[in-house]
PDB file of all heavy atoms in Angstrom:
ATOM      1  N   TYR A   1     213.938-128.880-141.191  1.00  0.00           N
ATOM      2  CA  TYR A   1     214.038-127.633-141.950  1.00  0.00           C
ATOM      3  C   TYR A   1     212.665-127.021-142.214  1.00  0.00           C
ATOM      4  O   TYR A   1     212.540-125.831-142.421  1.00  0.00           O
ATOM      5  CB  TYR A   1     214.760-127.874-143.279  1.00  0.00           C
ATOM      6  CG  TYR A   1     216.208-128.269-143.136  1.00  0.00           C
ATOM      7  CD1 TYR A   1     216.773-129.238-143.948  1.00  0.00           C
ATOM      8  CD2 TYR A   1     217.026-127.655-142.192  1.00  0.00           C
ATOM      9  CE1 TYR A   1     218.114-129.604-143.828  1.00  0.00           C
ATOM     10  CE2 TYR A   1     218.368-128.011-142.039  1.00  0.00           C
ATOM     11  CZ  TYR A   1     218.894-128.988-142.856  1.00  0.00           C
ATOM     12  OH  TYR A   1     220.217-129.349-142.724  1.00  0.00           O
ATOM     13  N   TYR A   2     211.639-127.859-142.274  1.00  0.00           N
ATOM     14  CA  TYR A   2     210.290-127.326-142.454  1.00  0.00           C
ATOM     15  C   TYR A   2     209.315-128.227-141.717  1.00  0.00           C
ATOM     16  O   TYR A   2     209.635-129.383-141.378  1.00  0.00           O
ATOM     17  CB  TYR A   2     209.936-127.198-143.938  1.00  0.00           C
ATOM     18  CG  TYR A   2     209.718-128.498-144.674  1.00  0.00           C
ATOM     19  CD1 TYR A   2     208.438-129.033-144.856  1.00  0.00           C
ATOM     20  CD2 TYR A   2     210.785-129.228-145.206  1.00  0.00           C
ATOM     21  CE1 TYR A   2     208.234-130.237-145.532  1.00  0.00           C
ATOM     22  CE2 TYR A   2     210.589-130.429-145.886  1.00  0.00           C
ATOM     23  CZ  TYR A   2     209.307-130.929-146.042  1.00  0.00           C
ATOM     24  OH  TYR A   2     209.113-132.102-146.696  1.00  0.00           O
ATOM     25  N   ASP A   3     208.132-127.703-141.479  1.00  0.00           N
ATOM     26  CA  ASP A   3     207.063-128.451-140.805  1.00  0.00           C
ATOM     27  C   ASP A   3     206.269-129.198-141.884  1.00  0.00           C
ATOM     28  O   ASP A   3     205.479-128.567-142.619  1.00  0.00           O
ATOM     29  CB  ASP A   3     206.168-127.498-140.027  1.00  0.00           C
ATOM     30  CG  ASP A   3     205.124-128.210-139.188  1.00  0.00           C
ATOM     31  OD1 ASP A   3     204.613-129.265-139.620  1.00  0.00           O
ATOM     32  OD2 ASP A   3     204.798-127.712-138.093  1.00  0.00           O
ATOM     33  N   ALA A   4     206.476-130.479-142.013  1.00  0.00           N
ATOM     34  CA  ALA A   4     205.878-131.240-143.103  1.00  0.00           C
ATOM     35  C   ALA A   4     204.343-131.223-143.023  1.00  0.00           C
ATOM     36  O   ALA A   4     203.663-131.036-144.040  1.00  0.00           O
ATOM     37  CB  ALA A   4     206.394-132.674-143.082  1.00  0.00           C
ATOM     38  N   ARG A   5     203.824-131.472-141.851  1.00  0.00           N
ATOM     39  CA  ARG A   5     202.361-131.514-141.718  1.00  0.00           C
ATOM     40  C   ARG A   5     201.729-130.177-142.089  1.00  0.00           C
ATOM     41  O   ARG A   5     200.726-130.102-142.819  1.00  0.00           O
ATOM     42  CB  ARG A   5     201.974-131.932-140.301  1.00  0.00           C
ATOM     43  CG  ARG A   5     200.483-132.268-140.177  1.00  0.00           C
ATOM     44  CD  ARG A   5     200.149-132.671-138.755  1.00  0.00           C
ATOM     45  NE  ARG A   5     200.846-133.883-138.362  1.00  0.00           N
ATOM     46  CZ  ARG A   5     200.433-135.110-138.646  1.00  0.00           C
ATOM     47  NH1 ARG A   5     199.323-135.280-139.372  1.00  0.00           N
ATOM     48  NH2 ARG A   5     201.103-136.163-138.240  1.00  0.00           N
ATOM     49  N   LYS A   6     202.348-129.088-141.615  1.00  0.00           N
ATOM     50  CA  LYS A   6     201.822-127.772-141.915  1.00  0.00           C
ATOM     51  C   LYS A   6     201.909-127.453-143.402  1.00  0.00           C
ATOM     52  O   LYS A   6     200.966-126.891-143.996  1.00  0.00           O
ATOM     53  CB  LYS A   6     202.596-126.711-141.117  1.00  0.00           C
ATOM     54  CG  LYS A   6     202.112-125.302-141.321  1.00  0.00           C
ATOM     55  CD  LYS A   6     202.915-124.325-140.452  1.00  0.00           C
ATOM     56  CE  LYS A   6     202.448-122.873-140.664  1.00  0.00           C
ATOM     57  NZ  LYS A   6     203.251-121.926-139.844  1.00  0.00           N
ATOM     58  N   ALA A   7     203.027-127.841-144.036  1.00  0.00           N
ATOM     59  CA  ALA A   7     203.209-127.592-145.473  1.00  0.00           C
ATOM     60  C   ALA A   7     202.170-128.364-146.294  1.00  0.00           C
ATOM     61  O   ALA A   7     201.570-127.811-147.229  1.00  0.00           O
ATOM     62  CB  ALA A   7     204.599-127.983-145.894  1.00  0.00           C
ATOM     63  N   VAL A   8     201.943-129.609-145.938  1.00  0.00           N
ATOM     64  CA  VAL A   8     200.966-130.427-146.650  1.00  0.00           C
ATOM     65  C   VAL A   8     199.568-129.853-146.487  1.00  0.00           C
ATOM     66  O   VAL A   8     198.795-129.742-147.471  1.00  0.00           O
ATOM     67  CB  VAL A   8     201.016-131.900-146.167  1.00  0.00           C
ATOM     68  CG1 VAL A   8     199.860-132.693-146.716  1.00  0.00           C
ATOM     69  CG2 VAL A   8     202.333-132.539-146.583  1.00  0.00           C
ATOM     70  N   GLU A   9     199.211-129.459-145.316  1.00  0.00           N
ATOM     71  CA  GLU A   9     197.883-128.901-145.067  1.00  0.00           C
ATOM     72  C   GLU A   9     197.708-127.592-145.854  1.00  0.00           C
ATOM     73  O   GLU A   9     196.620-127.341-146.410  1.00  0.00           O
ATOM     74  CB  GLU A   9     197.683-128.641-143.578  1.00  0.00           C
ATOM     75  CG  GLU A   9     197.528-129.948-142.773  1.00  0.00           C
ATOM     76  CD  GLU A   9     197.428-129.691-141.271  1.00  0.00           C
ATOM     77  OE1 GLU A   9     197.627-128.512-140.853  1.00  0.00           O
ATOM     78  OE2 GLU A   9     197.170-130.654-140.518  1.00  0.00           O
ATOM     79  N   GLN A  10     198.746-126.775-145.909  1.00  0.00           N
ATOM     80  CA  GLN A  10     198.654-125.511-146.648  1.00  0.00           C
ATOM     81  C   GLN A  10     198.424-125.772-148.146  1.00  0.00           C
ATOM     82  O   GLN A  10     197.566-125.132-148.763  1.00  0.00           O
ATOM     83  CB  GLN A  10     199.924-124.675-146.449  1.00  0.00           C
ATOM     84  CG  GLN A  10     199.910-123.345-147.158  1.00  0.00           C
ATOM     85  CD  GLN A  10     201.200-122.569-147.001  1.00  0.00           C
ATOM     86  OE1 GLN A  10     202.212-123.148-146.570  1.00  0.00           O
ATOM     87  NE2 GLN A  10     201.179-121.289-147.290  1.00  0.00           N
ATOM     88  N   LEU A  11     199.185-126.675-148.696  1.00  0.00           N
ATOM     89  CA  LEU A  11     199.068-126.974-150.115  1.00  0.00           C
ATOM     90  C   LEU A  11     197.731-127.664-150.439  1.00  0.00           C
ATOM     91  O   LEU A  11     197.087-127.352-151.446  1.00  0.00           O
ATOM     92  CB  LEU A  11     200.245-127.801-150.589  1.00  0.00           C
ATOM     93  CG  LEU A  11     201.570-127.034-150.631  1.00  0.00           C
ATOM     94  CD1 LEU A  11     202.753-127.981-150.771  1.00  0.00           C
ATOM     95  CD2 LEU A  11     201.565-126.006-151.764  1.00  0.00           C
ATOM     96  N   HIS A  12     197.329-128.582-149.599  1.00  0.00           N
ATOM     97  CA  HIS A  12     196.025-129.235-149.804  1.00  0.00           C
ATOM     98  C   HIS A  12     194.892-128.205-149.728  1.00  0.00           C
ATOM     99  O   HIS A  12     193.884-128.343-150.426  1.00  0.00           O
ATOM    100  CB  HIS A  12     195.816-130.327-148.770  1.00  0.00           C
ATOM    101  CG  HIS A  12     196.563-131.596-149.089  1.00  0.00           C
ATOM    102  ND1 HIS A  12     196.605-132.664-148.211  1.00  0.00           N
ATOM    103  CD2 HIS A  12     197.266-131.976-150.166  1.00  0.00           C
ATOM    104  CE1 HIS A  12     197.328-133.632-148.748  1.00  0.00           C
ATOM    105  NE2 HIS A  12     197.734-133.247-149.930  1.00  0.00           N
ATOM    106  N   GLY A  13     195.074-127.200-148.897  1.00  0.00           N
ATOM    107  CA  GLY A  13     194.073-126.137-148.789  1.00  0.00           C
ATOM    108  C   GLY A  13     193.928-125.373-150.086  1.00  0.00           C
ATOM    109  O   GLY A  13     192.864-124.777-150.339  1.00  0.00           O
ATOM    110  N   LEU A  14     194.956-125.352-150.911  1.00  0.00           N
ATOM    111  CA  LEU A  14     194.918-124.697-152.215  1.00  0.00           C
ATOM    112  C   LEU A  14     194.487-125.655-153.317  1.00  0.00           C
ATOM    113  O   LEU A  14     194.484-125.266-154.499  1.00  0.00           O
ATOM    114  CB  LEU A  14     196.293-124.116-152.533  1.00  0.00           C
ATOM    115  CG  LEU A  14     196.814-122.991-151.658  1.00  0.00           C
ATOM    116  CD1 LEU A  14     198.256-122.655-152.013  1.00  0.00           C
ATOM    117  CD2 LEU A  14     195.923-121.755-151.779  1.00  0.00           C
ATOM    118  N   GLY A  15     194.185-126.886-152.947  1.00  0.00           N
ATOM    119  CA  GLY A  15     193.830-127.871-153.956  1.00  0.00           C
ATOM    120  C   GLY A  15     195.029-128.433-154.677  1.00  0.00           C
ATOM    121  O   GLY A  15     194.900-128.918-155.805  1.00  0.00           O
ATOM    122  N   VAL A  16     196.176-128.351-154.048  1.00  0.00           N
ATOM    123  CA  VAL A  16     197.436-128.780-154.674  1.00  0.00           C
ATOM    124  C   VAL A  16     197.879-130.090-154.048  1.00  0.00           C
ATOM    125  O   VAL A  16     197.889-130.240-152.807  1.00  0.00           O
ATOM    126  CB  VAL A  16     198.516-127.696-154.486  1.00  0.00           C
ATOM    127  CG1 VAL A  16     199.883-128.177-154.990  1.00  0.00           C
ATOM    128  CG2 VAL A  16     198.124-126.427-155.226  1.00  0.00           C
ATOM    129  N   ARG A  17     198.279-131.033-154.878  1.00  0.00           N
ATOM    130  CA  ARG A  17     198.829-132.296-154.390  1.00  0.00           C
ATOM    131  C   ARG A  17     200.274-132.116-153.970  1.00  0.00           C
ATOM    132  O   ARG A  17     200.977-131.210-154.461  1.00  0.00           O
ATOM    133  CB  ARG A  17     198.718-133.381-155.467  1.00  0.00           C
ATOM    134  CG  ARG A  17     197.296-133.661-155.925  1.00  0.00           C
ATOM    135  CD  ARG A  17     197.233-134.754-156.970  1.00  0.00           C
ATOM    136  NE  ARG A  17     197.459-136.060-156.380  1.00  0.00           N
ATOM    137  CZ  ARG A  17     198.576-136.773-156.485  1.00  0.00           C
ATOM    138  NH1 ARG A  17     199.594-136.276-157.161  1.00  0.00           N
ATOM    139  NH2 ARG A  17     198.699-137.957-155.933  1.00  0.00           N
ATOM    140  N   VAL A  18     200.743-133.028-153.101  1.00  0.00           N
ATOM    141  CA  VAL A  18     202.116-132.924-152.584  1.00  0.00           C
ATOM    142  C   VAL A  18     202.832-134.245-152.796  1.00  0.00           C
ATOM    143  O   VAL A  18     202.367-135.302-152.364  1.00  0.00           O
ATOM    144  CB  VAL A  18     202.134-132.564-151.079  1.00  0.00           C
ATOM    145  CG1 VAL A  18     203.568-132.273-150.619  1.00  0.00           C
ATOM    146  CG2 VAL A  18     201.232-131.365-150.803  1.00  0.00           C
ATOM    147  N   VAL A  19     203.963-134.180-153.484  1.00  0.00           N
ATOM    148  CA  VAL A  19     204.813-135.338-153.721  1.00  0.00           C
ATOM    149  C   VAL A  19     206.041-135.232-152.857  1.00  0.00           C
ATOM    150  O   VAL A  19     206.709-134.189-152.858  1.00  0.00           O
ATOM    151  CB  VAL A  19     205.204-135.414-155.223  1.00  0.00           C
ATOM    152  CG1 VAL A  19     206.199-136.556-155.450  1.00  0.00           C
ATOM    153  CG2 VAL A  19     203.983-135.609-156.084  1.00  0.00           C
ATOM    154  N   GLY A  20     206.345-136.283-152.142  1.00  0.00           N
ATOM    155  CA  GLY A  20     207.556-136.286-151.313  1.00  0.00           C
ATOM    156  C   GLY A  20     208.688-136.992-152.020  1.00  0.00           C
ATOM    157  O   GLY A  20     208.577-138.177-152.367  1.00  0.00           O
ATOM    158  N   ARG A  21     209.757-136.271-152.292  1.00  0.00           N
ATOM    159  CA  ARG A  21     210.932-136.872-152.950  1.00  0.00           C
ATOM    160  C   ARG A  21     211.833-137.485-151.851  1.00  0.00           C
ATOM    161  O   ARG A  21     212.221-136.806-150.921  1.00  0.00           O
ATOM    162  CB  ARG A  21     211.717-135.837-153.735  1.00  0.00           C
ATOM    163  CG  ARG A  21     213.057-136.324-154.295  1.00  0.00           C
ATOM    164  CD  ARG A  21     213.703-135.242-155.140  1.00  0.00           C
ATOM    165  NE  ARG A  21     215.041-135.565-155.537  1.00  0.00           N
ATOM    166  CZ  ARG A  21     216.143-135.102-154.965  1.00  0.00           C
ATOM    167  NH1 ARG A  21     216.067-134.283-153.913  1.00  0.00           N
ATOM    168  NH2 ARG A  21     217.340-135.435-155.417  1.00  0.00           N
ATOM    169  N   LEU A  22     212.133-138.753-152.033  1.00  0.00           N
ATOM    170  CA  LEU A  22     212.923-139.470-151.034  1.00  0.00           C
ATOM    171  C   LEU A  22     214.131-140.082-151.734  1.00  0.00           C
ATOM    172  O   LEU A  22     214.002-141.036-152.520  1.00  0.00           O
ATOM    173  CB  LEU A  22     212.071-140.568-150.378  1.00  0.00           C
ATOM    174  CG  LEU A  22     212.525-141.138-149.047  1.00  0.00           C
ATOM    175  CD1 LEU A  22     211.400-141.943-148.392  1.00  0.00           C
ATOM    176  CD2 LEU A  22     213.755-142.013-149.159  1.00  0.00           C
ATOM    177  N   VAL A  23     215.297-139.527-151.483  1.00  0.00           N
ATOM    178  CA  VAL A  23     216.527-140.089-152.039  1.00  0.00           C
ATOM    179  C   VAL A  23     216.854-141.339-151.230  1.00  0.00           C
ATOM    180  O   VAL A  23     217.088-141.276-150.035  1.00  0.00           O
ATOM    181  CB  VAL A  23     217.683-139.074-151.963  1.00  0.00           C
ATOM    182  CG1 VAL A  23     218.978-139.713-152.437  1.00  0.00           C
ATOM    183  CG2 VAL A  23     217.350-137.847-152.825  1.00  0.00           C
ATOM    184  N   ALA A  24     216.883-142.474-151.912  1.00  0.00           N
ATOM    185  CA  ALA A  24     216.955-143.736-151.209  1.00  0.00           C
ATOM    186  C   ALA A  24     218.381-144.154-150.856  1.00  0.00           C
ATOM    187  O   ALA A  24     218.763-144.112-149.671  1.00  0.00           O
ATOM    188  CB  ALA A  24     216.288-144.842-152.052  1.00  0.00           C
ATOM    189  N   PHE A  25     219.193-144.508-151.827  1.00  0.00           N
ATOM    190  CA  PHE A  25     220.432-145.223-151.501  1.00  0.00           C
ATOM    191  C   PHE A  25     221.700-144.348-151.549  1.00  0.00           C
ATOM    192  O   PHE A  25     222.749-144.787-151.097  1.00  0.00           O
ATOM    193  CB  PHE A  25     220.584-146.418-152.449  1.00  0.00           C
ATOM    194  CG  PHE A  25     219.424-147.380-152.338  1.00  0.00           C
ATOM    195  CD1 PHE A  25     218.698-147.738-153.470  1.00  0.00           C
ATOM    196  CD2 PHE A  25     219.022-147.875-151.120  1.00  0.00           C
ATOM    197  CE1 PHE A  25     217.611-148.588-153.354  1.00  0.00           C
ATOM    198  CE2 PHE A  25     217.956-148.713-150.982  1.00  0.00           C
ATOM    199  CZ  PHE A  25     217.227-149.075-152.126  1.00  0.00           C
ATOM    200  N   LYS A  26     221.612-143.154-152.082  1.00  0.00           N
ATOM    201  CA  LYS A  26     222.718-142.203-151.866  1.00  0.00           C
ATOM    202  C   LYS A  26     222.459-141.497-150.560  1.00  0.00           C
ATOM    203  O   LYS A  26     221.655-140.578-150.466  1.00  0.00           O
ATOM    204  CB  LYS A  26     222.824-141.192-153.016  1.00  0.00           C
ATOM    205  CG  LYS A  26     224.055-140.300-152.902  1.00  0.00           C
ATOM    206  CD  LYS A  26     224.149-139.348-154.075  1.00  0.00           C
ATOM    207  CE  LYS A  26     225.454-138.545-154.022  1.00  0.00           C
ATOM    208  NZ  LYS A  26     225.544-137.696-152.818  1.00  0.00           N
ATOM    209  N   ASP A  27     223.104-141.943-149.514  1.00  0.00           N
ATOM    210  CA  ASP A  27     222.769-141.512-148.155  1.00  0.00           C
ATOM    211  C   ASP A  27     224.045-141.447-147.319  1.00  0.00           C
ATOM    212  O   ASP A  27     224.358-142.375-146.568  1.00  0.00           O
ATOM    213  CB  ASP A  27     221.775-142.488-147.555  1.00  0.00           C
ATOM    214  CG  ASP A  27     221.142-141.976-146.259  1.00  0.00           C
ATOM    215  OD1 ASP A  27     221.811-141.181-145.562  1.00  0.00           O
ATOM    216  OD2 ASP A  27     220.011-142.380-145.965  1.00  0.00           O
ATOM    217  N   PRO A  28     224.783-140.348-147.432  1.00  0.00           N
ATOM    218  CA  PRO A  28     226.053-140.240-146.671  1.00  0.00           C
ATOM    219  C   PRO A  28     225.867-140.317-145.169  1.00  0.00           C
ATOM    220  O   PRO A  28     226.762-140.833-144.476  1.00  0.00           O
ATOM    221  CB  PRO A  28     226.580-138.864-147.106  1.00  0.00           C
ATOM    222  CG  PRO A  28     225.944-138.605-148.424  1.00  0.00           C
ATOM    223  CD  PRO A  28     224.596-139.214-148.344  1.00  0.00           C
ATOM    224  N   VAL A  29     224.748-139.839-144.627  1.00  0.00           N
ATOM    225  CA  VAL A  29     224.535-139.872-143.183  1.00  0.00           C
ATOM    226  C   VAL A  29     224.440-141.315-142.696  1.00  0.00           C
ATOM    227  O   VAL A  29     225.122-141.730-141.764  1.00  0.00           O
ATOM    228  CB  VAL A  29     223.284-139.060-142.795  1.00  0.00           C
ATOM    229  CG1 VAL A  29     223.036-139.201-141.296  1.00  0.00           C
ATOM    230  CG2 VAL A  29     223.456-137.599-143.175  1.00  0.00           C
ATOM    231  N   LEU A  30     223.584-142.114-143.341  1.00  0.00           N
ATOM    232  CA  LEU A  30     223.432-143.491-142.925  1.00  0.00           C
ATOM    233  C   LEU A  30     224.657-144.294-143.225  1.00  0.00           C
ATOM    234  O   LEU A  30     225.076-145.159-142.439  1.00  0.00           O
ATOM    235  CB  LEU A  30     222.214-144.119-143.620  1.00  0.00           C
ATOM    236  CG  LEU A  30     221.949-145.587-143.307  1.00  0.00           C
ATOM    237  CD1 LEU A  30     221.720-145.794-141.827  1.00  0.00           C
ATOM    238  CD2 LEU A  30     220.769-146.129-144.134  1.00  0.00           C
ATOM    239  N   ALA A  31     225.292-144.043-144.391  1.00  0.00           N
ATOM    240  CA  ALA A  31     226.475-144.796-144.771  1.00  0.00           C
ATOM    241  C   ALA A  31     227.600-144.627-143.761  1.00  0.00           C
ATOM    242  O   ALA A  31     228.223-145.611-143.318  1.00  0.00           O
ATOM    243  CB  ALA A  31     226.930-144.383-146.170  1.00  0.00           C
ATOM    244  N   GLU A  32     227.863-143.406-143.368  1.00  0.00           N
ATOM    245  CA  GLU A  32     228.962-143.151-142.410  1.00  0.00           C
ATOM    246  C   GLU A  32     228.610-143.732-141.038  1.00  0.00           C
ATOM    247  O   GLU A  32     229.475-144.331-140.383  1.00  0.00           O
ATOM    248  CB  GLU A  32     229.215-141.658-142.295  1.00  0.00           C
ATOM    249  CG  GLU A  32     230.397-141.329-141.383  1.00  0.00           C
ATOM    250  CD  GLU A  32     230.793-139.852-141.408  1.00  0.00           C
ATOM    251  OE1 GLU A  32     230.077-139.061-142.060  1.00  0.00           O
ATOM    252  OE2 GLU A  32     231.810-139.510-140.771  1.00  0.00           O
ATOM    253  N   ALA A  33     227.381-143.531-140.595  1.00  0.00           N
ATOM    254  CA  ALA A  33     226.979-144.054-139.287  1.00  0.00           C
ATOM    255  C   ALA A  33     227.072-145.594-139.286  1.00  0.00           C
ATOM    256  O   ALA A  33     227.509-146.178-138.298  1.00  0.00           O
ATOM    257  CB  ALA A  33     225.554-143.612-138.948  1.00  0.00           C
ATOM    258  N   SER A  34     226.680-146.222-140.369  1.00  0.00           N
ATOM    259  CA  SER A  34     226.731-147.679-140.449  1.00  0.00           C
ATOM    260  C   SER A  34     228.165-148.160-140.440  1.00  0.00           C
ATOM    261  O   SER A  34     228.504-149.138-139.729  1.00  0.00           O
ATOM    262  CB  SER A  34     226.015-148.152-141.727  1.00  0.00           C
ATOM    263  OG  SER A  34     224.668-147.788-141.732  1.00  0.00           O
ATOM    264  N   TRP A  35     229.025-147.529-141.201  1.00  0.00           N
ATOM    265  CA  TRP A  35     230.432-147.989-141.276  1.00  0.00           C
ATOM    266  C   TRP A  35     231.126-147.836-139.946  1.00  0.00           C
ATOM    267  O   TRP A  35     231.790-148.754-139.490  1.00  0.00           O
ATOM    268  CB  TRP A  35     231.144-147.160-142.362  1.00  0.00           C
ATOM    269  CG  TRP A  35     232.477-147.746-142.713  1.00  0.00           C
ATOM    270  CD1 TRP A  35     233.711-147.454-142.157  1.00  0.00           C
ATOM    271  CD2 TRP A  35     232.731-148.757-143.681  1.00  0.00           C
ATOM    272  NE1 TRP A  35     234.681-148.191-142.723  1.00  0.00           N
ATOM    273  CE2 TRP A  35     234.116-149.005-143.658  1.00  0.00           C
ATOM    274  CE3 TRP A  35     231.931-149.464-144.557  1.00  0.00           C
ATOM    275  CZ2 TRP A  35     234.720-149.951-144.509  1.00  0.00           C
ATOM    276  CZ3 TRP A  35     232.515-150.395-145.401  1.00  0.00           C
ATOM    277  CH2 TRP A  35     233.893-150.623-145.357  1.00  0.00           C
TER     278      TRP A  35
END
């Protein structure tokens, strides 16, 4: 959906830190594929 490297570089260029939110165990894609 977005270019992660480009987004991080843009924000770092503004002196802004970037936090990546990672939803761990609620994961319908992996759950269905695994089942």
